[in-house]
Amino acid sequence: MKTTRLIATIAFAFALLLSFNAEAQKFSGLDKSPMDAASYPSDYKVSDKLIKIVYSRPQLKDREVYDLAKPGKVWRLGANEAAELHVYSDMKLNGADVKEGTYTVYAIPGEKEWTVILSTDLNVWGSYFYNEENDVARITVPTSKDDESLEAFSIAFEASDNGVHMHMGWDTVRVVVPFTK
């Protein structure tokens, strides 16, 4: 009888040990294109934001911008998931009304100009499912060059006279998108 209990106890302990390992959480490694966010105002102490974008930051790693963001093709504006823009107050982009809410941001890069698109698509990975019918606004803006090279795709906001400008940079390419009130 004691032997049976001993065997049952050992079997129970072994089964319990296996069940703990089966339920162990698996964590993935660090993303090669980490997510980031930019907002205006950028001060973390100011909770009353006007605009915020969440995007992933691909890095050049000895590649060219236009090898990663193909000219003339819709691009997700970053890496992984398409960038999502949160507008906390009604604004305008190129004269089109952009109501308070969340939008996916796409771009069509070009060497001399980029077309930036706001879409009602949400929770989109990449730009594979881009649907022009869901466009809210689009604007074509010129590119410029800077002396400083940025390894990682970057976005920042800056106040303007009548709204806010979204600055994008990668390598020496710079793009400014004007949002107005």
C-alpha atoms as a PDB file:
ATOM      1  CA  MET A   1       0.000   0.000   0.000  1.00  0.00           C
ATOM      2  CA  LYS A   2       2.837   2.390   0.880  1.00  0.00           C
ATOM      3  CA  THR A   3       4.520   1.607  -2.435  1.00  0.00           C
ATOM      4  CA  THR A   4       1.323   2.429  -4.334  1.00  0.00           C
ATOM      5  CA  ARG A   5       1.011   5.773  -2.543  1.00  0.00           C
ATOM      6  CA  LEU A   6       4.657   6.552  -3.203  1.00  0.00           C
ATOM      7  CA  ILE A   7       4.296   5.766  -6.906  1.00  0.00           C
ATOM      8  CA  ALA A   8       1.047   7.793  -7.095  1.00  0.00           C
ATOM      9  CA  THR A   9       2.702  10.758  -5.352  1.00  0.00           C
ATOM     10  CA  ILE A  10       5.710  10.643  -7.675  1.00  0.00           C
ATOM     11  CA  ALA A  11       3.425  10.359 -10.724  1.00  0.00           C
ATOM     12  CA  PHE A  12       1.308  13.290  -9.495  1.00  0.00           C
ATOM     13  CA  ALA A  13       4.413  15.437  -8.847  1.00  0.00           C
ATOM     14  CA  PHE A  14       5.788  14.557 -12.291  1.00  0.00           C
ATOM     15  CA  ALA A  15       2.454  15.439 -13.981  1.00  0.00           C
ATOM     16  CA  LEU A  16       2.322  18.706 -12.044  1.00  0.00           C
ATOM     17  CA  LEU A  17       5.874  19.552 -13.119  1.00  0.00           C
ATOM     18  CA  LEU A  18       5.015  18.893 -16.769  1.00  0.00           C
ATOM     19  CA  SER A  19       1.858  21.001 -16.612  1.00  0.00           C
ATOM     20  CA  PHE A  20       3.799  24.002 -15.241  1.00  0.00           C
ATOM     21  CA  ASN A  21       6.266  23.792 -18.113  1.00  0.00           C
ATOM     22  CA  ALA A  22       3.459  23.477 -20.655  1.00  0.00           C
ATOM     23  CA  GLU A  23       1.924  26.713 -19.375  1.00  0.00           C
ATOM     24  CA  ALA A  24       5.194  28.685 -19.283  1.00  0.00           C
ATOM     25  CA  GLN A  25       5.003  32.004 -21.191  1.00  0.00           C
ATOM     26  CA  LYS A  26       7.206  32.290 -24.272  1.00  0.00           C
ATOM     27  CA  PHE A  27       8.552  35.781 -24.965  1.00  0.00           C
ATOM     28  CA  SER A  28       9.854  36.784 -28.358  1.00  0.00           C
ATOM     29  CA  GLY A  29      13.177  38.531 -28.802  1.00  0.00           C
ATOM     30  CA  LEU A  30      13.604  42.231 -29.481  1.00  0.00           C
ATOM     31  CA  ASP A  31      11.995  43.523 -32.669  1.00  0.00           C
ATOM     32  CA  LYS A  32      14.504  44.669 -35.286  1.00  0.00           C
ATOM     33  CA  SER A  33      12.204  47.614 -36.104  1.00  0.00           C
ATOM     34  CA  PRO A  34      10.988  48.765 -32.685  1.00  0.00           C
ATOM     35  CA  MET A  35       7.740  50.677 -32.267  1.00  0.00           C
ATOM     36  CA  ASP A  36       7.924  54.323 -31.359  1.00  0.00           C
ATOM     37  CA  ALA A  37       5.527  57.214 -30.966  1.00  0.00           C
ATOM     38  CA  ALA A  38       5.749  60.925 -31.683  1.00  0.00           C
ATOM     39  CA  SER A  39       3.228  63.506 -30.545  1.00  0.00           C
ATOM     40  CA  TYR A  40       2.523  67.199 -30.330  1.00  0.00           C
ATOM     41  CA  PRO A  41       3.092  68.612 -27.839  1.00  0.00           C
ATOM     42  CA  SER A  42       6.006  66.246 -27.331  1.00  0.00           C
ATOM     43  CA  ASP A  43       6.446  66.939 -23.614  1.00  0.00           C
ATOM     44  CA  TYR A  44       5.349  63.820 -21.707  1.00  0.00           C
ATOM     45  CA  LYS A  45       4.037  66.045 -18.902  1.00  0.00           C
ATOM     46  CA  VAL A  46       1.391  67.492 -21.260  1.00  0.00           C
ATOM     47  CA  SER A  47      -1.470  65.017 -21.580  1.00  0.00           C
ATOM     48  CA  ASP A  48      -3.628  67.279 -23.780  1.00  0.00           C
ATOM     49  CA  LYS A  49      -2.187  66.186 -27.145  1.00  0.00           C
ATOM     50  CA  LEU A  50      -3.211  67.547 -30.538  1.00  0.00           C
ATOM     51  CA  ILE A  51      -1.795  64.684 -32.610  1.00  0.00           C
ATOM     52  CA  LYS A  52       0.166  61.443 -32.085  1.00  0.00           C
ATOM     53  CA  ILE A  53       1.567  58.768 -34.381  1.00  0.00           C
ATOM     54  CA  VAL A  54       2.596  55.214 -33.478  1.00  0.00           C
ATOM     55  CA  TYR A  55       4.961  53.585 -35.960  1.00  0.00           C
ATOM     56  CA  SER A  56       7.808  51.108 -36.282  1.00  0.00           C
ATOM     57  CA  ARG A  57      11.324  52.342 -37.031  1.00  0.00           C
ATOM     58  CA  PRO A  58      13.098  50.356 -39.741  1.00  0.00           C
ATOM     59  CA  GLN A  59      16.851  50.859 -40.015  1.00  0.00           C
ATOM     60  CA  LEU A  60      18.927  51.199 -43.157  1.00  0.00           C
ATOM     61  CA  LYS A  61      21.645  48.677 -42.224  1.00  0.00           C
ATOM     62  CA  ASP A  62      23.725  49.490 -45.337  1.00  0.00           C
ATOM     63  CA  ARG A  63      20.633  49.640 -47.561  1.00  0.00           C
ATOM     64  CA  GLU A  64      19.131  52.560 -49.461  1.00  0.00           C
ATOM     65  CA  VAL A  65      15.881  54.325 -48.486  1.00  0.00           C
ATOM     66  CA  TYR A  66      14.297  53.717 -51.870  1.00  0.00           C
ATOM     67  CA  ASP A  67      15.168  50.014 -51.778  1.00  0.00           C
ATOM     68  CA  LEU A  68      12.977  49.740 -48.661  1.00  0.00           C
ATOM     69  CA  ALA A  69      10.337  52.375 -49.484  1.00  0.00           C
ATOM     70  CA  LYS A  70       9.850  51.685 -53.192  1.00  0.00           C
ATOM     71  CA  PRO A  71       9.200  54.797 -55.316  1.00  0.00           C
ATOM     72  CA  GLY A  72       5.694  54.865 -56.784  1.00  0.00           C
ATOM     73  CA  LYS A  73       4.394  52.065 -54.496  1.00  0.00           C
ATOM     74  CA  VAL A  74       2.169  52.405 -51.424  1.00  0.00           C
ATOM     75  CA  TRP A  75       4.303  52.051 -48.278  1.00  0.00           C
ATOM     76  CA  ARG A  76       3.121  51.464 -44.697  1.00  0.00           C
ATOM     77  CA  LEU A  77       5.191  54.399 -43.388  1.00  0.00           C
ATOM     78  CA  GLY A  78       7.609  52.451 -41.240  1.00  0.00           C
ATOM     79  CA  ALA A  79       7.902  48.713 -40.679  1.00  0.00           C
ATOM     80  CA  ASN A  80       5.615  45.897 -39.540  1.00  0.00           C
ATOM     81  CA  GLU A  81       2.146  47.304 -38.776  1.00  0.00           C
ATOM     82  CA  ALA A  82       1.123  50.370 -40.754  1.00  0.00           C
ATOM     83  CA  ALA A  83       1.559  53.610 -38.832  1.00  0.00           C
ATOM     84  CA  GLU A  84      -1.513  54.819 -36.931  1.00  0.00           C
ATOM     85  CA  LEU A  85      -2.196  58.511 -36.468  1.00  0.00           C
ATOM     86  CA  HIS A  86      -4.392  59.721 -33.601  1.00  0.00           C
ATOM     87  CA  VAL A  87      -5.934  63.159 -34.160  1.00  0.00           C
ATOM     88  CA  TYR A  88      -7.383  64.560 -30.926  1.00  0.00           C
ATOM     89  CA  SER A  89      -9.006  67.617 -32.510  1.00  0.00           C
ATOM     90  CA  ASP A  90     -10.577  68.156 -35.940  1.00  0.00           C
ATOM     91  CA  MET A  91      -7.910  69.257 -38.431  1.00  0.00           C
ATOM     92  CA  LYS A  92      -7.366  69.576 -42.161  1.00  0.00           C
ATOM     93  CA  LEU A  93      -4.871  67.980 -44.522  1.00  0.00           C
ATOM     94  CA  ASN A  94      -4.613  69.564 -47.958  1.00  0.00           C
ATOM     95  CA  GLY A  95      -8.071  71.106 -47.449  1.00  0.00           C
ATOM     96  CA  ALA A  96      -9.733  67.780 -46.570  1.00  0.00           C
ATOM     97  CA  ASP A  97     -11.442  67.468 -43.181  1.00  0.00           C
ATOM     98  CA  VAL A  98      -9.687  65.099 -40.782  1.00  0.00           C
ATOM     99  CA  LYS A  99     -12.116  64.478 -37.940  1.00  0.00           C
ATOM    100  CA  GLU A 100     -10.975  63.594 -34.434  1.00  0.00           C
ATOM    101  CA  GLY A 101     -10.102  59.897 -34.507  1.00  0.00           C
ATOM    102  CA  THR A 102      -7.563  57.280 -35.573  1.00  0.00           C
ATOM    103  CA  TYR A 103      -6.255  56.748 -39.099  1.00  0.00           C
ATOM    104  CA  THR A 104      -3.690  54.591 -40.835  1.00  0.00           C
ATOM    105  CA  VAL A 105      -0.962  56.559 -42.595  1.00  0.00           C
ATOM    106  CA  TYR A 106       0.482  55.382 -45.876  1.00  0.00           C
ATOM    107  CA  ALA A 107       2.935  57.065 -48.239  1.00  0.00           C
ATOM    108  CA  ILE A 108       3.860  56.778 -51.878  1.00  0.00           C
ATOM    109  CA  PRO A 109       7.545  57.745 -51.864  1.00  0.00           C
ATOM    110  CA  GLY A 110       9.269  59.432 -54.748  1.00  0.00           C
ATOM    111  CA  GLU A 111      12.711  60.950 -55.203  1.00  0.00           C
ATOM    112  CA  LYS A 112      11.317  64.505 -55.542  1.00  0.00           C
ATOM    113  CA  GLU A 113       7.964  64.234 -53.744  1.00  0.00           C
ATOM    114  CA  TRP A 114       5.970  61.933 -51.481  1.00  0.00           C
ATOM    115  CA  THR A 115       2.227  61.442 -51.385  1.00  0.00           C
ATOM    116  CA  VAL A 116       1.007  60.948 -47.828  1.00  0.00           C
ATOM    117  CA  ILE A 117      -2.376  59.260 -47.337  1.00  0.00           C
ATOM    118  CA  LEU A 118      -4.723  59.071 -44.341  1.00  0.00           C
ATOM    119  CA  SER A 119      -7.050  56.069 -44.430  1.00  0.00           C
ATOM    120  CA  THR A 120      -9.864  54.730 -42.280  1.00  0.00           C
ATOM    121  CA  ASP A 121      -8.207  51.294 -42.430  1.00  0.00           C
ATOM    122  CA  LEU A 122      -7.137  50.224 -38.928  1.00  0.00           C
ATOM    123  CA  ASN A 123      -5.050  47.402 -37.445  1.00  0.00           C
ATOM    124  CA  VAL A 124      -3.311  46.806 -40.768  1.00  0.00           C
ATOM    125  CA  TRP A 125      -0.037  44.933 -41.137  1.00  0.00           C
ATOM    126  CA  GLY A 126       2.059  46.419 -43.912  1.00  0.00           C
ATOM    127  CA  SER A 127       0.353  47.986 -46.916  1.00  0.00           C
ATOM    128  CA  TYR A 128      -0.800  44.743 -48.503  1.00  0.00           C
ATOM    129  CA  PHE A 129      -4.484  45.489 -47.929  1.00  0.00           C
ATOM    130  CA  TYR A 130      -4.422  49.204 -48.804  1.00  0.00           C
ATOM    131  CA  ASN A 131      -7.775  50.242 -50.272  1.00  0.00           C
ATOM    132  CA  GLU A 132      -7.934  53.650 -51.960  1.00  0.00           C
ATOM    133  CA  GLU A 133     -11.710  53.771 -51.331  1.00  0.00           C
ATOM    134  CA  ASN A 134     -10.946  54.248 -47.621  1.00  0.00           C
ATOM    135  CA  ASP A 135      -8.797  57.378 -48.140  1.00  0.00           C
ATOM    136  CA  VAL A 136      -9.805  60.367 -46.011  1.00  0.00           C
ATOM    137  CA  ALA A 137      -7.117  62.759 -47.233  1.00  0.00           C
ATOM    138  CA  ARG A 138      -3.953  62.783 -49.272  1.00  0.00           C
ATOM    139  CA  ILE A 139      -1.289  65.353 -49.932  1.00  0.00           C
ATOM    140  CA  THR A 140       1.750  65.440 -52.187  1.00  0.00           C
ATOM    141  CA  VAL A 141       4.705  67.261 -50.649  1.00  0.00           C
ATOM    142  CA  PRO A 142       8.260  67.867 -51.901  1.00  0.00           C
ATOM    143  CA  THR A 143      11.235  66.033 -50.443  1.00  0.00           C
ATOM    144  CA  SER A 144      14.376  67.782 -49.314  1.00  0.00           C
ATOM    145  CA  LYS A 145      17.866  66.646 -48.365  1.00  0.00           C
ATOM    146  CA  ASP A 146      19.664  67.182 -45.077  1.00  0.00           C
ATOM    147  CA  ASP A 147      23.355  66.943 -44.230  1.00  0.00           C
ATOM    148  CA  GLU A 148      22.613  64.632 -41.303  1.00  0.00           C
ATOM    149  CA  SER A 149      21.908  60.981 -42.093  1.00  0.00           C
ATOM    150  CA  LEU A 150      19.355  59.137 -39.950  1.00  0.00           C
ATOM    151  CA  GLU A 151      19.910  55.367 -39.669  1.00  0.00           C
ATOM    152  CA  ALA A 152      16.365  54.722 -38.386  1.00  0.00           C
ATOM    153  CA  PHE A 153      13.180  56.088 -39.964  1.00  0.00           C
ATOM    154  CA  SER A 154      12.029  58.922 -37.692  1.00  0.00           C
ATOM    155  CA  ILE A 155       8.962  61.123 -37.206  1.00  0.00           C
ATOM    156  CA  ALA A 156       8.639  64.327 -35.157  1.00  0.00           C
ATOM    157  CA  PHE A 157       6.028  67.082 -34.873  1.00  0.00           C
ATOM    158  CA  GLU A 158       6.552  70.843 -34.780  1.00  0.00           C
ATOM    159  CA  ALA A 159       4.091  73.675 -34.210  1.00  0.00           C
ATOM    160  CA  SER A 160       3.221  75.848 -37.193  1.00  0.00           C
ATOM    161  CA  ASP A 161       1.311  79.130 -37.460  1.00  0.00           C
ATOM    162  CA  ASN A 162      -2.023  77.392 -38.016  1.00  0.00           C
ATOM    163  CA  GLY A 163      -1.510  73.776 -36.949  1.00  0.00           C
ATOM    164  CA  VAL A 164       1.308  71.295 -36.744  1.00  0.00           C
ATOM    165  CA  HIS A 165       3.869  69.888 -39.177  1.00  0.00           C
ATOM    166  CA  MET A 166       4.764  66.198 -39.221  1.00  0.00           C
ATOM    167  CA  HIS A 167       8.464  65.815 -40.106  1.00  0.00           C
ATOM    168  CA  MET A 168       9.698  62.503 -41.472  1.00  0.00           C
ATOM    169  CA  GLY A 169      13.342  61.657 -42.009  1.00  0.00           C
ATOM    170  CA  TRP A 170      15.384  58.707 -43.146  1.00  0.00           C
ATOM    171  CA  ASP A 171      18.978  58.813 -44.308  1.00  0.00           C
ATOM    172  CA  THR A 172      19.209  62.339 -45.753  1.00  0.00           C
ATOM    173  CA  VAL A 173      15.612  62.375 -47.086  1.00  0.00           C
ATOM    174  CA  ARG A 174      13.234  64.794 -45.345  1.00  0.00           C
ATOM    175  CA  VAL A 175       9.471  65.198 -45.815  1.00  0.00           C
ATOM    176  CA  VAL A 176       7.173  67.719 -44.101  1.00  0.00           C
ATOM    177  CA  VAL A 177       3.389  67.169 -43.918  1.00  0.00           C
ATOM    178  CA  PRO A 178       1.335  70.232 -42.856  1.00  0.00           C
ATOM    179  CA  PHE A 179      -1.798  69.661 -40.756  1.00  0.00           C
ATOM    180  CA  THR A 180      -3.926  72.781 -40.212  1.00  0.00           C
ATOM    181  CA  LYS A 181      -6.673  73.682 -37.763  1.00  0.00           C
END
